[in-house]
Amino acid sequence: SIQAVYFSAYKKLGKRWQAKLGLRGENTQTSGNSITLNRIDKHSYFQLFPSAYLMYSPNQRHSYSLSYGRRIWRPGFNALNPFKFYTSPYSYISGNPNLKPVYVANIEFNYTYNDFLQTTIWYAHDKDNSSQITLFKKDYERAVIRLNYFNDYSAGVSQRIEYAKINWRQMVMGCELFYSHSESKLYPITPKSTGGFGGSLITYNNFFLNAAKTCSAGLYFSYSLPNNSSDMR
């Protein structure tokens, strides 16, 4: 159950500047009932999520913007389920009813040219991110469980090109290069830190098969470069 309240404000600052501010408050209650274990887990938490946006447009062809936002990624109930799924007499996989949500703060700088070319430089920080780890318990028992045990720091640049001036075709191409670094809170149970570069390529082509553009066919391709990541998302 989630209750939320928010406000936003928008203001033009002369002919070339625009600004937006926002604040959202969310109050969350969760209740998980494990009938097999005869166990009920309840949690509640309140968080604020501010946002800010500033855009400068010197003319119709060019625009620059800077934005900040804070978001939340809540774990699914499969990740919260405390039931033990045994894979062998001494090994099981279990959810964690005390798993906390992940909070993400990000800053983006964006440049757009003539609604055709878009360049974005971004930085993001994930707090209390989670992943599955293996814990060895008494009597040789091994448990695979998800814990909030690391923070993520990442930065990258992306390029997007959109071309729709041909009546029968719409094309979007994009690429991204980023660096991600994670710091563990469970060292030496887990590696103290991991990180590295990653990237992706994407292209999308939409072909209209009639003049009214009510029938179309598409061709889509994407490729992700190898990278190190423990991100739950």
C-alpha atoms as a PDB file:
ATOM      1  CA  SER A   1       0.000   0.000   0.000  1.00  0.00           C
ATOM      2  CA  ILE A   2       1.455   3.348  -1.099  1.00  0.00           C
ATOM      3  CA  GLN A   3       0.165   6.836  -0.298  1.00  0.00           C
ATOM      4  CA  ALA A   4       1.784   9.719  -2.148  1.00  0.00           C
ATOM      5  CA  VAL A   5       1.535  13.485  -2.323  1.00  0.00           C
ATOM      6  CA  TYR A   6       3.477  15.726  -4.659  1.00  0.00           C
ATOM      7  CA  PHE A   7       3.725  19.218  -6.092  1.00  0.00           C
ATOM      8  CA  SER A   8       5.505  20.670  -9.096  1.00  0.00           C
ATOM      9  CA  ALA A   9       6.217  24.198 -10.298  1.00  0.00           C
ATOM     10  CA  TYR A  10       7.149  25.492 -13.735  1.00  0.00           C
ATOM     11  CA  LYS A  11       8.512  28.922 -14.618  1.00  0.00           C
ATOM     12  CA  LYS A  12       9.725  30.607 -17.787  1.00  0.00           C
ATOM     13  CA  LEU A  13      12.728  32.822 -17.093  1.00  0.00           C
ATOM     14  CA  GLY A  14      12.739  35.182 -20.029  1.00  0.00           C
ATOM     15  CA  LYS A  15      12.649  33.893 -23.603  1.00  0.00           C
ATOM     16  CA  ARG A  16      15.488  31.380 -23.361  1.00  0.00           C
ATOM     17  CA  TRP A  17      15.295  29.788 -19.916  1.00  0.00           C
ATOM     18  CA  GLN A  18      12.812  27.342 -18.353  1.00  0.00           C
ATOM     19  CA  ALA A  19      12.847  25.829 -14.865  1.00  0.00           C
ATOM     20  CA  LYS A  20      10.893  23.088 -13.089  1.00  0.00           C
ATOM     21  CA  LEU A  21      10.902  21.998  -9.463  1.00  0.00           C
ATOM     22  CA  GLY A  22       9.111  19.085  -7.872  1.00  0.00           C
ATOM     23  CA  LEU A  23       8.830  17.159  -4.621  1.00  0.00           C
ATOM     24  CA  ARG A  24       7.074  13.855  -4.024  1.00  0.00           C
ATOM     25  CA  GLY A  25       6.519  12.171  -0.669  1.00  0.00           C
ATOM     26  CA  GLU A  26       5.670   8.462  -0.505  1.00  0.00           C
ATOM     27  CA  ASN A  27       4.509   6.502   2.523  1.00  0.00           C
ATOM     28  CA  THR A  28       4.713   2.734   1.992  1.00  0.00           C
ATOM     29  CA  GLN A  29       3.399  -0.239   3.974  1.00  0.00           C
ATOM     30  CA  THR A  30       4.123  -3.848   3.028  1.00  0.00           C
ATOM     31  CA  SER A  31       2.655  -7.023   4.496  1.00  0.00           C
ATOM     32  CA  GLY A  32       3.804 -10.510   3.494  1.00  0.00           C
ATOM     33  CA  ASN A  33       1.968 -13.585   4.771  1.00  0.00           C
ATOM     34  CA  SER A  34       3.863 -16.892   4.508  1.00  0.00           C
ATOM     35  CA  ILE A  35       1.183 -19.507   5.166  1.00  0.00           C
ATOM     36  CA  THR A  36       3.655 -22.406   5.085  1.00  0.00           C
ATOM     37  CA  LEU A  37       5.908 -20.798   7.714  1.00  0.00           C
ATOM     38  CA  ASN A  38       2.988 -19.262   9.654  1.00  0.00           C
ATOM     39  CA  ARG A  39       4.788 -15.926   9.500  1.00  0.00           C
ATOM     40  CA  ILE A  40       3.690 -12.356   8.757  1.00  0.00           C
ATOM     41  CA  ASP A  41       6.278  -9.667   7.978  1.00  0.00           C
ATOM     42  CA  LYS A  42       5.233  -6.012   8.020  1.00  0.00           C
ATOM     43  CA  HIS A  43       7.280  -2.940   7.193  1.00  0.00           C
ATOM     44  CA  SER A  44       6.590   0.753   6.663  1.00  0.00           C
ATOM     45  CA  TYR A  45       8.757   3.627   5.461  1.00  0.00           C
ATOM     46  CA  PHE A  46       8.465   7.221   4.251  1.00  0.00           C
ATOM     47  CA  GLN A  47      10.759   8.915   1.734  1.00  0.00           C
ATOM     48  CA  LEU A  48      11.015  12.210  -0.145  1.00  0.00           C
ATOM     49  CA  PHE A  49      11.870  12.381  -3.845  1.00  0.00           C
ATOM     50  CA  PRO A  50      12.923  15.826  -5.094  1.00  0.00           C
ATOM     51  CA  SER A  51      13.447  16.748  -8.744  1.00  0.00           C
ATOM     52  CA  ALA A  52      14.807  19.811 -10.540  1.00  0.00           C
ATOM     53  CA  TYR A  53      15.154  20.786 -14.196  1.00  0.00           C
ATOM     54  CA  LEU A  54      16.727  23.763 -15.956  1.00  0.00           C
ATOM     55  CA  MET A  55      16.730  24.307 -19.742  1.00  0.00           C
ATOM     56  CA  TYR A  56      18.403  26.928 -21.922  1.00  0.00           C
ATOM     57  CA  SER A  57      17.381  27.377 -25.581  1.00  0.00           C
ATOM     58  CA  PRO A  58      19.400  30.058 -27.400  1.00  0.00           C
ATOM     59  CA  ASN A  59      17.437  29.395 -30.602  1.00  0.00           C
ATOM     60  CA  GLN A  60      15.101  26.844 -32.194  1.00  0.00           C
ATOM     61  CA  ARG A  61      17.925  24.501 -33.199  1.00  0.00           C
ATOM     62  CA  HIS A  62      19.844  24.155 -29.953  1.00  0.00           C
ATOM     63  CA  SER A  63      18.789  23.391 -26.385  1.00  0.00           C
ATOM     64  CA  TYR A  64      20.710  22.525 -23.222  1.00  0.00           C
ATOM     65  CA  SER A  65      19.251  21.079 -20.036  1.00  0.00           C
ATOM     66  CA  LEU A  66      20.410  19.989 -16.591  1.00  0.00           C
ATOM     67  CA  SER A  67      18.253  17.778 -14.378  1.00  0.00           C
ATOM     68  CA  TYR A  68      18.353  16.017 -11.020  1.00  0.00           C
ATOM     69  CA  GLY A  69      16.028  13.348  -9.690  1.00  0.00           C
ATOM     70  CA  ARG A  70      15.689  10.759  -6.946  1.00  0.00           C
ATOM     71  CA  ARG A  71      13.805   7.486  -7.515  1.00  0.00           C
ATOM     72  CA  ILE A  72      12.989   4.232  -5.748  1.00  0.00           C
ATOM     73  CA  TRP A  73      13.185   0.586  -6.880  1.00  0.00           C
ATOM     74  CA  ARG A  74      11.128  -1.682  -4.650  1.00  0.00           C
ATOM     75  CA  PRO A  75      11.927  -5.419  -4.432  1.00  0.00           C
ATOM     76  CA  GLY A  76       9.307  -7.829  -5.754  1.00  0.00           C
ATOM     77  CA  PHE A  77       7.567 -10.205  -3.391  1.00  0.00           C
ATOM     78  CA  ASN A  78       9.541 -13.181  -4.731  1.00  0.00           C
ATOM     79  CA  ALA A  79      12.664 -11.476  -3.386  1.00  0.00           C
ATOM     80  CA  LEU A  80      10.905 -10.958  -0.011  1.00  0.00           C
ATOM     81  CA  ASN A  81       9.459 -14.480   0.355  1.00  0.00           C
ATOM     82  CA  PRO A  82      11.196 -16.258   3.311  1.00  0.00           C
ATOM     83  CA  PHE A  83      10.235 -19.752   2.081  1.00  0.00           C
ATOM     84  CA  LYS A  84      13.264 -22.031   1.526  1.00  0.00           C
ATOM     85  CA  PHE A  85      13.542 -23.717  -1.880  1.00  0.00           C
ATOM     86  CA  TYR A  86      15.946 -26.631  -1.352  1.00  0.00           C
ATOM     87  CA  THR A  87      18.173 -27.520  -4.299  1.00  0.00           C
ATOM     88  CA  SER A  88      19.944 -30.259  -2.311  1.00  0.00           C
ATOM     89  CA  PRO A  89      19.756 -31.610   1.275  1.00  0.00           C
ATOM     90  CA  TYR A  90      22.301 -28.964   2.339  1.00  0.00           C
ATOM     91  CA  SER A  91      21.549 -26.054   0.004  1.00  0.00           C
ATOM     92  CA  TYR A  92      18.567 -23.750  -0.377  1.00  0.00           C
ATOM     93  CA  ILE A  93      17.490 -20.441  -1.954  1.00  0.00           C
ATOM     94  CA  SER A  94      15.413 -18.011   0.083  1.00  0.00           C
ATOM     95  CA  GLY A  95      13.996 -14.538  -0.156  1.00  0.00           C
ATOM     96  CA  ASN A  96      14.659 -11.899   2.474  1.00  0.00           C
ATOM     97  CA  PRO A  97      11.574 -10.324   4.124  1.00  0.00           C
ATOM     98  CA  ASN A  98      13.798  -7.535   5.519  1.00  0.00           C
ATOM     99  CA  LEU A  99      15.094  -6.508   2.105  1.00  0.00           C
ATOM    100  CA  LYS A 100      15.029  -2.740   1.674  1.00  0.00           C
ATOM    101  CA  PRO A 101      14.276  -0.782  -1.511  1.00  0.00           C
ATOM    102  CA  VAL A 102      17.050   0.754  -3.576  1.00  0.00           C
ATOM    103  CA  TYR A 103      17.242   4.544  -3.806  1.00  0.00           C
ATOM    104  CA  VAL A 104      18.701   6.046  -6.973  1.00  0.00           C
ATOM    105  CA  ALA A 105      19.864   9.651  -7.393  1.00  0.00           C
ATOM    106  CA  ASN A 106      20.956  10.825 -10.818  1.00  0.00           C
ATOM    107  CA  ILE A 107      22.142  13.990 -12.567  1.00  0.00           C
ATOM    108  CA  GLU A 108      21.872  14.455 -16.344  1.00  0.00           C
ATOM    109  CA  PHE A 109      23.184  17.040 -18.775  1.00  0.00           C
ATOM    110  CA  ASN A 110      21.449  16.939 -22.150  1.00  0.00           C
ATOM    111  CA  TYR A 111      22.118  18.666 -25.463  1.00  0.00           C
ATOM    112  CA  THR A 112      19.620  18.495 -28.343  1.00  0.00           C
ATOM    113  CA  TYR A 113      20.180  19.710 -31.885  1.00  0.00           C
ATOM    114  CA  ASN A 114      17.150  20.356 -34.074  1.00  0.00           C
ATOM    115  CA  ASP A 115      15.164  17.456 -32.512  1.00  0.00           C
ATOM    116  CA  PHE A 116      17.520  15.182 -34.446  1.00  0.00           C
ATOM    117  CA  LEU A 117      20.671  14.689 -32.386  1.00  0.00           C
ATOM    118  CA  GLN A 118      20.634  14.148 -28.622  1.00  0.00           C
ATOM    119  CA  THR A 119      23.710  13.853 -26.382  1.00  0.00           C
ATOM    120  CA  THR A 120      23.420  12.970 -22.685  1.00  0.00           C
ATOM    121  CA  ILE A 121      26.055  12.900 -19.960  1.00  0.00           C
ATOM    122  CA  TRP A 122      24.869  11.326 -16.688  1.00  0.00           C
ATOM    123  CA  TYR A 123      25.941  10.289 -13.204  1.00  0.00           C
ATOM    124  CA  ALA A 124      23.965   7.978 -10.886  1.00  0.00           C
ATOM    125  CA  HIS A 125      24.320   6.732  -7.323  1.00  0.00           C
ATOM    126  CA  ASP A 126      22.423   3.646  -6.102  1.00  0.00           C
ATOM    127  CA  LYS A 127      22.158   3.334  -2.318  1.00  0.00           C
ATOM    128  CA  ASP A 128      21.669  -0.052  -0.603  1.00  0.00           C
ATOM    129  CA  ASN A 129      21.609  -2.038  -3.824  1.00  0.00           C
ATOM    130  CA  SER A 130      21.048  -5.775  -3.493  1.00  0.00           C
ATOM    131  CA  SER A 131      22.023  -9.068  -5.032  1.00  0.00           C
ATOM    132  CA  GLN A 132      22.109 -12.758  -4.117  1.00  0.00           C
ATOM    133  CA  ILE A 133      25.051 -14.014  -2.091  1.00  0.00           C
ATOM    134  CA  THR A 134      25.947 -17.430  -0.638  1.00  0.00           C
ATOM    135  CA  LEU A 135      26.202 -17.824   3.150  1.00  0.00           C
ATOM    136  CA  PHE A 136      27.527 -20.950   4.889  1.00  0.00           C
ATOM    137  CA  LYS A 137      25.668 -21.828   8.073  1.00  0.00           C
ATOM    138  CA  LYS A 138      25.973 -24.525  10.731  1.00  0.00           C
ATOM    139  CA  ASP A 139      25.755 -28.238   9.867  1.00  0.00           C
ATOM    140  CA  TYR A 140      27.282 -27.623   6.407  1.00  0.00           C
ATOM    141  CA  GLU A 141      24.161 -25.809   5.244  1.00  0.00           C
ATOM    142  CA  ARG A 142      24.501 -23.341   2.379  1.00  0.00           C
ATOM    143  CA  ALA A 143      21.989 -20.503   1.900  1.00  0.00           C
ATOM    144  CA  VAL A 144      21.598 -18.324  -1.191  1.00  0.00           C
ATOM    145  CA  ILE A 145      19.844 -15.124  -0.111  1.00  0.00           C
ATOM    146  CA  ARG A 146      19.452 -11.549  -1.363  1.00  0.00           C
ATOM    147  CA  LEU A 147      20.923  -8.764   0.801  1.00  0.00           C
ATOM    148  CA  ASN A 148      21.325  -4.986   0.599  1.00  0.00           C
ATOM    149  CA  TYR A 149      25.091  -4.995   0.771  1.00  0.00           C
ATOM    150  CA  PHE A 150      26.599  -2.566  -1.746  1.00  0.00           C
ATOM    151  CA  ASN A 151      26.408   0.941  -3.194  1.00  0.00           C
ATOM    152  CA  ASP A 152      26.758   1.673  -6.916  1.00  0.00           C
ATOM    153  CA  TYR A 153      28.371   4.674  -8.590  1.00  0.00           C
ATOM    154  CA  SER A 154      28.150   5.019 -12.359  1.00  0.00           C
ATOM    155  CA  ALA A 155      28.681   7.636 -15.049  1.00  0.00           C
ATOM    156  CA  GLY A 156      28.294   7.575 -18.780  1.00  0.00           C
ATOM    157  CA  VAL A 157      27.595   9.302 -22.047  1.00  0.00           C
ATOM    158  CA  SER A 158      24.954   8.384 -24.636  1.00  0.00           C
ATOM    159  CA  GLN A 159      24.273   9.493 -28.183  1.00  0.00           C
ATOM    160  CA  ARG A 160      20.896   9.225 -29.942  1.00  0.00           C
ATOM    161  CA  ILE A 161      20.009  10.050 -33.541  1.00  0.00           C
ATOM    162  CA  GLU A 162      16.420  10.128 -34.779  1.00  0.00           C
ATOM    163  CA  TYR A 163      15.571  10.608 -38.439  1.00  0.00           C
ATOM    164  CA  ALA A 164      11.963  10.763 -39.640  1.00  0.00           C
ATOM    165  CA  LYS A 165      12.100  13.047 -42.692  1.00  0.00           C
ATOM    166  CA  ILE A 166      11.523  10.168 -45.121  1.00  0.00           C
ATOM    167  CA  ASN A 167       7.766   9.590 -45.336  1.00  0.00           C
ATOM    168  CA  TRP A 168       7.987   5.795 -45.463  1.00  0.00           C
ATOM    169  CA  ARG A 169      10.735   5.275 -42.864  1.00  0.00           C
ATOM    170  CA  GLN A 170      11.567   6.258 -39.294  1.00  0.00           C
ATOM    171  CA  MET A 171      15.034   5.505 -37.929  1.00  0.00           C
ATOM    172  CA  VAL A 172      16.492   5.704 -34.433  1.00  0.00           C
ATOM    173  CA  MET A 173      20.120   4.903 -33.627  1.00  0.00           C
ATOM    174  CA  GLY A 174      21.865   5.116 -30.283  1.00  0.00           C
ATOM    175  CA  CYS A 175      25.019   4.155 -28.423  1.00  0.00           C
ATOM    176  CA  GLU A 176      26.137   4.423 -24.802  1.00  0.00           C
ATOM    177  CA  LEU A 177      29.423   4.090 -22.929  1.00  0.00           C
ATOM    178  CA  PHE A 178      29.519   3.986 -19.129  1.00  0.00           C
ATOM    179  CA  TYR A 179      31.686   3.163 -16.130  1.00  0.00           C
ATOM    180  CA  SER A 180      30.236   1.492 -13.036  1.00  0.00           C
ATOM    181  CA  HIS A 181      31.832   0.961  -9.620  1.00  0.00           C
ATOM    182  CA  SER A 182      30.389  -0.939  -6.628  1.00  0.00           C
ATOM    183  CA  GLU A 183      31.517  -0.791  -2.980  1.00  0.00           C
ATOM    184  CA  SER A 184      30.568  -3.758  -0.769  1.00  0.00           C
ATOM    185  CA  LYS A 185      29.540  -3.529   2.895  1.00  0.00           C
ATOM    186  CA  LEU A 186      30.199  -7.255   3.454  1.00  0.00           C
ATOM    187  CA  TYR A 187      33.922  -7.469   2.733  1.00  0.00           C
ATOM    188  CA  PRO A 188      35.594 -10.024   2.983  1.00  0.00           C
ATOM    189  CA  ILE A 189      32.471 -12.196   2.486  1.00  0.00           C
ATOM    190  CA  THR A 190      32.141 -10.528  -0.900  1.00  0.00           C
ATOM    191  CA  PRO A 191      34.763  -8.674  -2.987  1.00  0.00           C
ATOM    192  CA  LYS A 192      35.497  -5.234  -1.572  1.00  0.00           C
ATOM    193  CA  SER A 193      34.736  -3.535  -4.882  1.00  0.00           C
ATOM    194  CA  THR A 194      33.971  -4.316  -8.504  1.00  0.00           C
ATOM    195  CA  GLY A 195      33.793  -2.121 -11.532  1.00  0.00           C
ATOM    196  CA  GLY A 196      34.534  -1.610 -15.157  1.00  0.00           C
ATOM    197  CA  PHE A 197      33.392  -0.156 -18.432  1.00  0.00           C
ATOM    198  CA  GLY A 198      30.339  -1.192 -20.403  1.00  0.00           C
ATOM    199  CA  GLY A 199      28.319  -0.033 -23.349  1.00  0.00           C
ATOM    200  CA  SER A 200      25.495  -0.742 -25.735  1.00  0.00           C
ATOM    201  CA  LEU A 201      24.412  -0.178 -29.323  1.00  0.00           C
ATOM    202  CA  ILE A 202      20.836   0.038 -30.562  1.00  0.00           C
ATOM    203  CA  THR A 203      19.104   0.666 -33.873  1.00  0.00           C
ATOM    204  CA  TYR A 204      15.416   0.717 -34.705  1.00  0.00           C
ATOM    205  CA  ASN A 205      13.895   1.075 -38.162  1.00  0.00           C
ATOM    206  CA  ASN A 206      10.176   1.436 -38.790  1.00  0.00           C
ATOM    207  CA  PHE A 207       8.903   1.066 -42.374  1.00  0.00           C
ATOM    208  CA  PHE A 208       5.413   2.337 -43.256  1.00  0.00           C
ATOM    209  CA  LEU A 209       3.683   0.088 -45.784  1.00  0.00           C
ATOM    210  CA  ASN A 210       0.870   2.436 -46.809  1.00  0.00           C
ATOM    211  CA  ALA A 211       0.323   6.169 -47.258  1.00  0.00           C
ATOM    212  CA  ALA A 212      -1.931   6.492 -44.195  1.00  0.00           C
ATOM    213  CA  LYS A 213       0.846   4.972 -42.011  1.00  0.00           C
ATOM    214  CA  THR A 214      -1.607   2.532 -40.435  1.00  0.00           C
ATOM    215  CA  CYS A 215       0.450  -0.508 -41.403  1.00  0.00           C
ATOM    216  CA  SER A 216       4.154  -0.834 -40.702  1.00  0.00           C
ATOM    217  CA  ALA A 217       7.015  -3.281 -40.232  1.00  0.00           C
ATOM    218  CA  GLY A 218      10.010  -2.871 -37.946  1.00  0.00           C
ATOM    219  CA  LEU A 219      13.614  -4.016 -37.700  1.00  0.00           C
ATOM    220  CA  TYR A 220      15.285  -3.805 -34.285  1.00  0.00           C
ATOM    221  CA  PHE A 221      18.822  -4.648 -33.193  1.00  0.00           C
ATOM    222  CA  SER A 222      20.666  -4.154 -29.902  1.00  0.00           C
ATOM    223  CA  TYR A 223      24.007  -5.257 -28.506  1.00  0.00           C
ATOM    224  CA  SER A 224      25.414  -4.885 -24.985  1.00  0.00           C
ATOM    225  CA  LEU A 225      29.145  -5.000 -24.356  1.00  0.00           C
ATOM    226  CA  PRO A 226      30.386  -7.318 -21.571  1.00  0.00           C
ATOM    227  CA  ASN A 227      30.503  -5.610 -18.166  1.00  0.00           C
ATOM    228  CA  ASN A 228      30.580  -6.385 -14.451  1.00  0.00           C
ATOM    229  CA  SER A 229      27.291  -5.733 -12.670  1.00  0.00           C
ATOM    230  CA  SER A 230      25.474  -6.981  -9.551  1.00  0.00           C
ATOM    231  CA  ASP A 231      22.572  -4.606  -9.973  1.00  0.00           C
ATOM    232  CA  MET A 232      19.206  -6.094  -8.911  1.00  0.00           C
ATOM    233  CA  ARG A 233      17.497  -4.163 -11.728  1.00  0.00           C
END
